[in-house]
Amino acid sequence: MTFAEAVAQFTAQLRANPAAPRPPFLFETVDQMRESKMLDRAFDQAQMDLGLVTPSEMQRINSALHLDPAMSNRVIKYPQYV
């Protein structure tokens, strides 16, 4: 599946049901990981194309670091792991 095909597929799914689930995150090979990342990007693009989220909201959702203290638990005490 190409990126354009994936965007078209997710756009159709999101038009039918805006709460459509994200692509699966499970993979066993590098190729599966590449496809998963491509599907994630296509899903994000379809959401923005339909106006379900703005680019700034998408950046906030996908960001590992948040300015909002309630959302900053994704990276906790990073220096202790370095």
N, C-alpha and C. Protein backbone atom coordinates (compact mmCIF):
# COMPACT_ATOMS: atom_id res chain seq x y z
N MET A 1 0.85 -1.18 0.00
CA MET A 1 0.00 0.00 0.00
C MET A 1 0.89 1.24 0.00
N THR A 2 0.56 2.18 -0.85
CA THR A 2 1.32 3.43 -0.89
C THR A 2 0.76 4.40 0.15
N PHE A 3 1.51 5.47 0.39
CA PHE A 3 1.07 6.48 1.34
C PHE A 3 -0.25 7.09 0.90
N ALA A 4 -0.36 7.42 -0.40
CA ALA A 4 -1.59 8.03 -0.92
C ALA A 4 -2.79 7.09 -0.75
N GLU A 5 -2.58 5.81 -0.99
CA GLU A 5 -3.66 4.83 -0.80
C GLU A 5 -4.07 4.75 0.67
N ALA A 6 -3.08 4.80 1.55
CA ALA A 6 -3.37 4.73 2.99
C ALA A 6 -4.14 5.97 3.44
N VAL A 7 -3.75 7.15 2.94
CA VAL A 7 -4.47 8.38 3.30
C VAL A 7 -5.91 8.29 2.81
N ALA A 8 -6.10 7.82 1.58
CA ALA A 8 -7.46 7.69 1.04
C ALA A 8 -8.29 6.71 1.86
N GLN A 9 -7.68 5.60 2.27
CA GLN A 9 -8.39 4.60 3.09
C GLN A 9 -8.79 5.18 4.44
N PHE A 10 -7.86 5.84 5.12
CA PHE A 10 -8.16 6.42 6.43
C PHE A 10 -9.15 7.57 6.32
N THR A 11 -9.07 8.34 5.24
CA THR A 11 -10.02 9.43 5.04
C THR A 11 -11.44 8.87 4.94
N ALA A 12 -11.61 7.80 4.17
CA ALA A 12 -12.92 7.17 4.04
C ALA A 12 -13.40 6.62 5.38
N GLN A 13 -12.50 5.97 6.12
CA GLN A 13 -12.87 5.41 7.42
C GLN A 13 -13.26 6.52 8.41
N LEU A 14 -12.50 7.62 8.41
CA LEU A 14 -12.78 8.71 9.34
C LEU A 14 -14.06 9.45 8.98
N ARG A 15 -14.36 9.54 7.67
CA ARG A 15 -15.63 10.15 7.28
C ARG A 15 -16.80 9.32 7.79
N ALA A 16 -16.65 8.00 7.73
CA ALA A 16 -17.71 7.11 8.20
C ALA A 16 -17.81 7.11 9.71
N ASN A 17 -16.66 7.19 10.39
CA ASN A 17 -16.64 7.13 11.84
C ASN A 17 -15.40 7.87 12.36
N PRO A 18 -15.56 9.13 12.83
CA PRO A 18 -14.40 9.89 13.29
C PRO A 18 -13.64 9.24 14.46
N ALA A 19 -14.25 8.27 15.12
CA ALA A 19 -13.57 7.58 16.22
C ALA A 19 -12.91 6.29 15.73
N ALA A 20 -12.64 6.19 14.43
CA ALA A 20 -12.00 4.99 13.88
C ALA A 20 -10.67 4.75 14.58
N PRO A 21 -10.35 3.50 14.83
CA PRO A 21 -9.11 3.20 15.56
C PRO A 21 -7.86 3.50 14.74
N ARG A 22 -6.79 3.76 15.44
CA ARG A 22 -5.50 3.96 14.78
C ARG A 22 -4.99 2.64 14.22
N PRO A 23 -4.02 2.71 13.29
CA PRO A 23 -3.42 1.48 12.77
C PRO A 23 -2.76 0.69 13.90
N PRO A 24 -2.62 -0.62 13.74
CA PRO A 24 -1.99 -1.42 14.80
C PRO A 24 -0.54 -1.02 15.03
N PHE A 25 -0.08 -1.18 16.25
CA PHE A 25 1.28 -0.79 16.61
C PHE A 25 2.21 -2.00 16.72
N LEU A 26 1.68 -3.21 16.62
CA LEU A 26 2.49 -4.41 16.78
C LEU A 26 3.22 -4.77 15.50
N PHE A 27 4.51 -5.10 15.62
CA PHE A 27 5.28 -5.54 14.47
C PHE A 27 6.42 -6.41 14.92
N GLU A 28 6.87 -7.29 14.01
CA GLU A 28 7.95 -8.22 14.34
C GLU A 28 9.18 -8.01 13.47
N THR A 29 9.02 -7.35 12.33
CA THR A 29 10.15 -7.11 11.43
C THR A 29 10.30 -5.62 11.16
N VAL A 30 11.44 -5.27 10.58
CA VAL A 30 11.69 -3.87 10.25
C VAL A 30 10.69 -3.40 9.20
N ASP A 31 10.36 -4.25 8.24
CA ASP A 31 9.39 -3.87 7.22
C ASP A 31 8.02 -3.58 7.82
N GLN A 32 7.64 -4.37 8.81
CA GLN A 32 6.36 -4.13 9.48
C GLN A 32 6.41 -2.81 10.25
N MET A 33 7.56 -2.50 10.83
CA MET A 33 7.71 -1.24 11.54
C MET A 33 7.61 -0.06 10.57
N ARG A 34 8.27 -0.18 9.39
CA ARG A 34 8.18 0.87 8.38
C ARG A 34 6.73 1.09 7.94
N GLU A 35 6.03 -0.01 7.70
CA GLU A 35 4.64 0.10 7.27
C GLU A 35 3.78 0.72 8.37
N SER A 36 4.04 0.36 9.61
CA SER A 36 3.29 0.92 10.72
C SER A 36 3.51 2.43 10.81
N LYS A 37 4.75 2.89 10.66
CA LYS A 37 5.05 4.33 10.70
C LYS A 37 4.36 5.04 9.54
N MET A 38 4.36 4.42 8.35
CA MET A 38 3.71 5.02 7.19
C MET A 38 2.20 5.12 7.44
N LEU A 39 1.60 4.08 8.02
CA LEU A 39 0.18 4.11 8.32
C LEU A 39 -0.15 5.17 9.38
N ASP A 40 0.73 5.32 10.38
CA ASP A 40 0.54 6.37 11.39
C ASP A 40 0.53 7.76 10.74
N ARG A 41 1.49 7.98 9.84
CA ARG A 41 1.56 9.28 9.16
C ARG A 41 0.34 9.51 8.28
N ALA A 42 -0.10 8.45 7.60
CA ALA A 42 -1.28 8.57 6.73
C ALA A 42 -2.52 8.86 7.56
N PHE A 43 -2.65 8.20 8.71
CA PHE A 43 -3.80 8.44 9.60
C PHE A 43 -3.79 9.88 10.08
N ASP A 44 -2.62 10.37 10.50
CA ASP A 44 -2.50 11.75 10.96
C ASP A 44 -2.87 12.73 9.84
N GLN A 45 -2.39 12.45 8.62
CA GLN A 45 -2.69 13.33 7.49
C GLN A 45 -4.17 13.33 7.18
N ALA A 46 -4.81 12.17 7.23
CA ALA A 46 -6.25 12.09 6.97
C ALA A 46 -7.03 12.89 8.01
N GLN A 47 -6.62 12.82 9.28
CA GLN A 47 -7.29 13.61 10.32
C GLN A 47 -7.18 15.10 10.04
N MET A 48 -6.00 15.55 9.62
CA MET A 48 -5.81 16.97 9.32
C MET A 48 -6.59 17.36 8.06
N ASP A 49 -6.61 16.49 7.04
CA ASP A 49 -7.34 16.80 5.80
C ASP A 49 -8.82 16.98 6.07
N LEU A 50 -9.38 16.20 6.99
CA LEU A 50 -10.80 16.29 7.31
C LEU A 50 -11.11 17.38 8.33
N GLY A 51 -10.08 18.03 8.86
CA GLY A 51 -10.29 19.10 9.82
C GLY A 51 -10.64 18.60 11.21
N LEU A 52 -10.36 17.33 11.49
CA LEU A 52 -10.64 16.80 12.83
C LEU A 52 -9.64 17.32 13.85
N VAL A 53 -8.43 17.61 13.40
CA VAL A 53 -7.40 18.21 14.26
C VAL A 53 -6.63 19.24 13.44
N THR A 54 -6.08 20.21 14.11
CA THR A 54 -5.22 21.19 13.44
C THR A 54 -3.78 20.68 13.49
N PRO A 55 -2.92 21.22 12.63
CA PRO A 55 -1.52 20.80 12.68
C PRO A 55 -0.89 20.99 14.06
N SER A 56 -1.24 22.08 14.76
CA SER A 56 -0.67 22.30 16.09
C SER A 56 -1.19 21.26 17.09
N GLU A 57 -2.46 20.87 16.97
CA GLU A 57 -3.00 19.82 17.84
C GLU A 57 -2.31 18.49 17.55
N MET A 58 -2.08 18.22 16.26
CA MET A 58 -1.41 16.97 15.88
C MET A 58 0.00 16.94 16.45
N GLN A 59 0.68 18.07 16.40
CA GLN A 59 2.04 18.13 16.96
C GLN A 59 2.00 17.88 18.45
N ARG A 60 1.02 18.47 19.15
CA ARG A 60 0.90 18.27 20.59
C ARG A 60 0.60 16.80 20.90
N ILE A 61 -0.28 16.17 20.13
CA ILE A 61 -0.63 14.77 20.35
C ILE A 61 0.57 13.86 20.15
N ASN A 62 1.35 14.12 19.11
CA ASN A 62 2.47 13.24 18.76
C ASN A 62 3.77 13.57 19.47
N SER A 63 3.78 14.66 20.23
CA SER A 63 5.01 15.09 20.88
C SER A 63 5.32 14.24 22.11
N ALA A 64 6.59 13.93 22.29
CA ALA A 64 7.01 13.17 23.48
C ALA A 64 7.11 14.09 24.69
N LEU A 65 7.37 15.37 24.46
CA LEU A 65 7.49 16.34 25.55
C LEU A 65 6.34 17.33 25.45
N HIS A 66 5.68 17.56 26.55
CA HIS A 66 4.55 18.47 26.58
C HIS A 66 4.82 19.62 27.53
N LEU A 67 4.27 20.76 27.20
CA LEU A 67 4.36 21.90 28.11
C LEU A 67 3.32 21.79 29.21
N ASP A 68 2.27 21.03 28.95
CA ASP A 68 1.21 20.83 29.93
C ASP A 68 1.70 19.84 30.99
N PRO A 69 1.77 20.24 32.26
CA PRO A 69 2.28 19.34 33.31
C PRO A 69 1.49 18.03 33.42
N ALA A 70 0.21 18.07 33.10
CA ALA A 70 -0.61 16.85 33.19
C ALA A 70 -0.21 15.84 32.12
N MET A 71 0.40 16.32 31.04
CA MET A 71 0.77 15.43 29.94
C MET A 71 2.27 15.15 29.90
N SER A 72 3.03 15.67 30.85
CA SER A 72 4.49 15.57 30.79
C SER A 72 5.03 14.26 31.35
N ASN A 73 4.17 13.28 31.59
CA ASN A 73 4.64 12.03 32.19
C ASN A 73 5.22 11.06 31.17
N ARG A 74 5.28 11.41 29.89
CA ARG A 74 5.85 10.50 28.91
C ARG A 74 7.36 10.35 29.09
N VAL A 75 8.03 11.42 29.46
CA VAL A 75 9.48 11.36 29.70
C VAL A 75 9.69 11.78 31.15
N ILE A 76 10.01 10.82 31.98
CA ILE A 76 10.15 11.09 33.41
C ILE A 76 11.60 10.85 33.81
N LYS A 77 12.21 11.86 34.39
CA LYS A 77 13.58 11.75 34.91
C LYS A 77 14.52 11.14 33.86
N TYR A 78 14.51 11.69 32.66
CA TYR A 78 15.34 11.19 31.57
C TYR A 78 16.82 11.12 31.94
N PRO A 79 17.41 12.12 32.62
CA PRO A 79 18.85 12.06 32.91
C PRO A 79 19.28 10.81 33.66
N GLN A 80 18.41 10.20 34.44
CA GLN A 80 18.83 9.01 35.19
C GLN A 80 19.07 7.83 34.25
N TYR A 81 18.57 7.87 33.01
CA TYR A 81 18.75 6.76 32.07
C TYR A 81 19.92 6.98 31.12
N VAL A 82 20.54 8.16 31.16
CA VAL A 82 21.62 8.47 30.24
C VAL A 82 22.94 7.98 30.78
